[in-house]
Amino acid sequence: MTPVVTDRERWIALGLLAGVLALAYLVLVHPWWTVSLRETNARIEQLQERDARLRAQIAQAPLIARQLQAAQQRLATQPGFLAESSAELATAGLVQRLEAVVQQASPGNRSCAIKNRSPVPDVGRERYPRVVVQVRMDCGAPELATVLHALEAGTPRLFVDNLNVLAARFNFGPPEPGTGQGTGLDVSFDLVGYLRPQAATDAATSPGGADAP
């Protein structure tokens, strides 16, 4: 005699089957298929976002090139920087400028003469490379004012820093020609100029510009 299957037994069997299928999905399908598919989709989204950023940057290339060219033109016409391309050449240029200014203020160095000029290594980490020459000279007050004004008012821009002015010691007897002795003031200062930075054109494309010193 065939056993009669009741509705309750059918529902129990269907429930057990559904549980077995769910367990099989969690054990066999979900770790190997669903998780991997989600990771792949996430990776695809990341690559799409990266591709969009790269395309936007490539599209801005002509604008960046024009900005770079404009920045290079502005940099070339700025009078604030020294013309030389290295600290050694710039130091020699500063010394020549100093000697020419002193010669103009006191022909023959009778009332103003340079006693010492020596380069000072730049150990700072400023935005623009500095070139520094340490100067000491004997000078009269009018000639000193003329020298300082000529140095700071000319082109390229130079700066006088650490200025010290003391009364000079007077020697008995007439001063020796060309020494500036007996002129009244013992002067020392740092003559400072700024090199045009090699990386300035690279920085010109970044947000925010840089002004000349």
Protein backbone atom coordinates (compact mmCIF):
# COMPACT_ATOMS: atom_id res chain seq x y z
CA MET A 1 0.00 0.00 0.00
CA THR A 2 1.46 3.36 -1.03
CA PRO A 3 1.95 5.72 1.90
CA VAL A 4 0.01 8.95 1.71
CA VAL A 5 2.13 12.09 1.75
CA THR A 6 0.46 14.87 3.62
CA ASP A 7 0.76 18.59 2.86
CA ARG A 8 2.73 19.09 6.05
CA GLU A 9 5.35 16.57 4.97
CA ARG A 10 5.60 18.24 1.57
CA TRP A 11 6.26 21.62 3.18
CA ILE A 12 8.86 20.08 5.48
CA ALA A 13 10.58 18.48 2.49
CA LEU A 14 10.54 21.75 0.56
CA GLY A 15 11.94 23.56 3.57
CA LEU A 16 14.75 21.04 3.92
CA LEU A 17 15.51 21.33 0.21
CA ALA A 18 15.60 25.12 0.42
CA GLY A 19 17.93 24.92 3.42
CA VAL A 20 20.24 22.53 1.58
CA LEU A 21 20.30 24.81 -1.46
CA ALA A 22 21.00 27.89 0.70
CA LEU A 23 23.80 26.08 2.50
CA ALA A 24 25.26 24.94 -0.81
CA TYR A 25 25.13 28.55 -2.08
CA LEU A 26 26.85 29.92 1.01
CA VAL A 27 29.53 27.25 0.96
CA LEU A 28 30.15 26.73 -2.74
CA VAL A 29 28.82 29.66 -4.79
CA HIS A 30 29.09 32.80 -2.63
CA PRO A 31 32.85 32.64 -1.75
CA TRP A 32 33.95 31.64 -5.24
CA TRP A 33 31.58 33.61 -7.40
CA THR A 34 29.69 36.44 -5.68
CA VAL A 35 32.61 37.81 -3.62
CA SER A 36 34.96 37.59 -6.58
CA LEU A 37 32.40 39.33 -8.78
CA ARG A 38 31.99 42.17 -6.28
CA GLU A 39 35.77 42.63 -6.04
CA THR A 40 36.00 42.71 -9.83
CA ASN A 41 33.25 45.33 -10.04
CA ALA A 42 34.98 47.47 -7.41
CA ARG A 43 38.26 47.20 -9.33
CA ILE A 44 36.50 48.18 -12.55
CA GLU A 45 35.00 51.26 -10.86
CA GLN A 46 38.43 52.30 -9.55
CA LEU A 47 39.97 51.93 -13.00
CA GLN A 48 37.13 53.92 -14.55
CA GLU A 49 37.63 56.75 -12.05
CA ARG A 50 41.39 56.74 -12.69
CA ASP A 51 40.79 56.77 -16.45
CA ALA A 52 38.46 59.75 -16.05
CA ARG A 53 41.07 61.67 -14.05
CA LEU A 54 43.78 60.93 -16.62
CA ARG A 55 41.53 62.01 -19.48
CA ALA A 56 40.76 65.27 -17.64
CA GLN A 57 44.47 65.93 -17.11
CA ILE A 58 45.25 65.20 -20.76
CA ALA A 59 42.49 67.57 -21.81
CA GLN A 60 44.13 70.32 -19.70
CA ALA A 61 47.55 69.84 -21.35
CA PRO A 62 47.17 72.71 -23.87
CA LEU A 63 46.07 75.12 -21.14
CA ILE A 64 49.00 74.08 -18.91
CA ALA A 65 51.41 74.53 -21.83
CA ARG A 66 50.13 78.07 -22.41
CA GLN A 67 50.40 78.88 -18.70
CA LEU A 68 53.96 77.52 -18.65
CA GLN A 69 54.96 79.62 -21.63
CA ALA A 70 53.44 82.73 -20.07
CA ALA A 71 55.23 82.05 -16.78
CA GLN A 72 58.55 81.60 -18.59
CA GLN A 73 58.06 84.91 -20.39
CA ARG A 74 57.23 86.72 -17.15
CA LEU A 75 60.23 85.15 -15.43
CA ALA A 76 62.55 86.21 -18.25
CA THR A 77 61.47 89.85 -17.97
CA GLN A 78 61.58 90.14 -14.18
CA PRO A 79 64.46 92.46 -13.21
CA GLY A 80 64.73 91.17 -9.66
CA PHE A 81 66.92 88.15 -10.31
CA LEU A 82 70.62 88.02 -11.07
CA ALA A 83 71.47 87.34 -14.70
CA GLU A 84 74.02 84.62 -13.97
CA SER A 85 73.04 80.95 -13.95
CA SER A 86 75.29 79.77 -11.10
CA ALA A 87 76.32 80.98 -7.65
CA GLU A 88 79.98 81.24 -8.68
CA LEU A 89 79.27 83.49 -11.66
CA ALA A 90 76.77 85.51 -9.63
CA THR A 91 79.33 86.06 -6.86
CA ALA A 92 81.85 87.38 -9.37
CA GLY A 93 79.14 89.63 -10.80
CA LEU A 94 78.29 91.01 -7.35
CA VAL A 95 81.95 91.82 -6.67
CA GLN A 96 82.27 93.61 -10.02
CA ARG A 97 79.10 95.58 -9.34
CA LEU A 98 80.38 96.56 -5.89
CA GLU A 99 83.77 97.66 -7.24
CA ALA A 100 82.13 99.72 -10.01
CA VAL A 101 79.79 101.47 -7.57
CA VAL A 102 82.60 102.29 -5.15
CA GLN A 103 84.76 103.57 -8.01
CA GLN A 104 81.95 105.86 -9.15
CA ALA A 105 81.33 107.16 -5.64
CA SER A 106 85.02 107.72 -4.95
CA PRO A 107 87.27 107.87 -8.03
CA GLY A 108 90.68 106.51 -7.23
CA ASN A 109 89.34 105.17 -3.89
CA ARG A 110 90.59 108.28 -2.11
CA SER A 111 87.60 108.58 0.23
CA CYS A 112 86.08 105.10 -0.03
CA ALA A 113 87.89 101.81 -0.48
CA ILE A 114 87.01 98.13 -0.22
CA LYS A 115 89.09 96.33 2.40
CA ASN A 116 87.63 92.86 2.03
CA ARG A 117 84.94 91.03 0.06
CA SER A 118 84.37 87.33 0.49
CA PRO A 119 81.54 85.03 -0.59
CA VAL A 120 79.36 83.50 2.09
CA PRO A 121 77.86 80.04 1.43
CA ASP A 122 74.08 80.07 1.50
CA VAL A 123 73.00 77.52 4.11
CA GLY A 124 69.35 78.59 4.21
CA ARG A 125 66.42 76.84 2.58
CA GLU A 126 64.68 79.82 1.10
CA ARG A 127 62.42 79.68 -1.89
CA TYR A 128 64.96 81.45 -4.08
CA PRO A 129 68.72 80.70 -3.99
CA ARG A 130 70.69 83.54 -2.41
CA VAL A 131 74.14 84.78 -3.33
CA VAL A 132 75.89 86.62 -0.50
CA VAL A 133 79.15 88.59 -0.48
CA GLN A 134 80.46 89.83 2.85
CA VAL A 135 81.95 93.31 2.42
CA ARG A 136 84.11 95.51 4.60
CA MET A 137 85.38 98.92 3.61
CA ASP A 138 86.56 102.31 4.84
CA CYS A 139 84.31 105.07 3.60
CA GLY A 140 83.22 108.61 4.25
CA ALA A 141 79.61 109.26 5.14
CA PRO A 142 78.56 110.91 1.83
CA GLU A 143 80.31 108.24 -0.23
CA LEU A 144 78.76 105.47 1.88
CA ALA A 145 75.27 106.86 1.28
CA THR A 146 75.98 107.00 -2.46
CA VAL A 147 77.28 103.42 -2.52
CA LEU A 148 74.35 101.96 -0.59
CA HIS A 149 71.79 103.83 -2.68
CA ALA A 150 73.44 102.72 -5.95
CA LEU A 151 73.54 99.10 -4.83
CA GLU A 152 69.92 98.89 -3.73
CA ALA A 153 68.38 101.11 -6.40
CA GLY A 154 69.91 99.45 -9.44
CA THR A 155 69.00 96.44 -11.56
CA PRO A 156 69.10 93.54 -10.78
CA ARG A 157 67.75 93.99 -7.28
CA LEU A 158 70.41 93.80 -4.59
CA PHE A 159 69.95 94.03 -0.84
CA VAL A 160 72.24 95.30 1.90
CA ASP A 161 71.92 93.21 5.05
CA ASN A 162 73.63 93.17 8.44
CA LEU A 163 74.94 96.71 8.00
CA ASN A 164 77.40 97.80 10.70
CA VAL A 165 78.97 101.26 10.74
CA LEU A 166 81.72 102.16 13.21
CA ALA A 167 84.02 105.14 13.57
CA ALA A 168 87.28 104.26 11.86
CA ARG A 169 90.61 104.54 13.63
CA PHE A 170 92.61 107.47 12.35
CA ASN A 171 96.28 106.98 11.67
CA PHE A 172 98.73 109.80 12.18
CA GLY A 173 99.97 111.12 8.91
CA PRO A 174 98.29 111.35 5.51
CA PRO A 175 96.32 108.32 4.35
CA GLU A 176 97.82 106.11 1.68
CA PRO A 177 96.29 106.61 -1.76
CA GLY A 178 93.70 104.02 -2.67
CA THR A 179 93.20 102.73 0.89
CA GLY A 180 90.41 105.00 2.07
CA GLN A 181 92.10 105.28 5.47
CA GLY A 182 91.16 108.29 7.52
CA THR A 183 87.76 108.63 5.82
CA GLY A 184 85.85 108.27 9.08
CA LEU A 185 83.73 105.08 8.90
CA ASP A 186 84.52 101.39 9.15
CA VAL A 187 81.65 99.72 7.31
CA SER A 188 80.68 96.06 7.01
CA PHE A 189 77.60 94.53 5.40
CA ASP A 190 76.31 91.57 3.42
CA LEU A 191 75.52 92.23 -0.22
CA VAL A 192 72.69 89.88 -1.23
CA GLY A 193 71.27 88.94 -4.61
CA TYR A 194 68.90 86.21 -5.75
CA LEU A 195 69.40 83.66 -8.49
CA ARG A 196 66.61 82.84 -10.89
CA PRO A 197 65.51 79.36 -9.70
CA GLN A 198 65.93 76.55 -12.19
CA ALA A 199 62.72 74.91 -10.92
CA ALA A 200 60.64 78.06 -11.20
CA THR A 201 59.13 76.99 -14.52
CA ASP A 202 58.03 73.69 -12.98
CA ALA A 203 56.45 75.45 -10.04
CA ALA A 204 54.66 77.87 -12.35
CA THR A 205 52.14 75.19 -13.29
CA SER A 206 51.23 74.46 -9.68
CA PRO A 207 48.44 76.43 -7.91
CA GLY A 208 49.65 79.82 -6.69
CA GLY A 209 52.37 81.82 -8.37
CA ALA A 210 55.65 83.09 -6.98
CA ASP A 211 56.67 86.72 -6.93
CA ALA A 212 60.16 88.00 -7.44
CA PRO A 213 62.10 89.05 -4.36
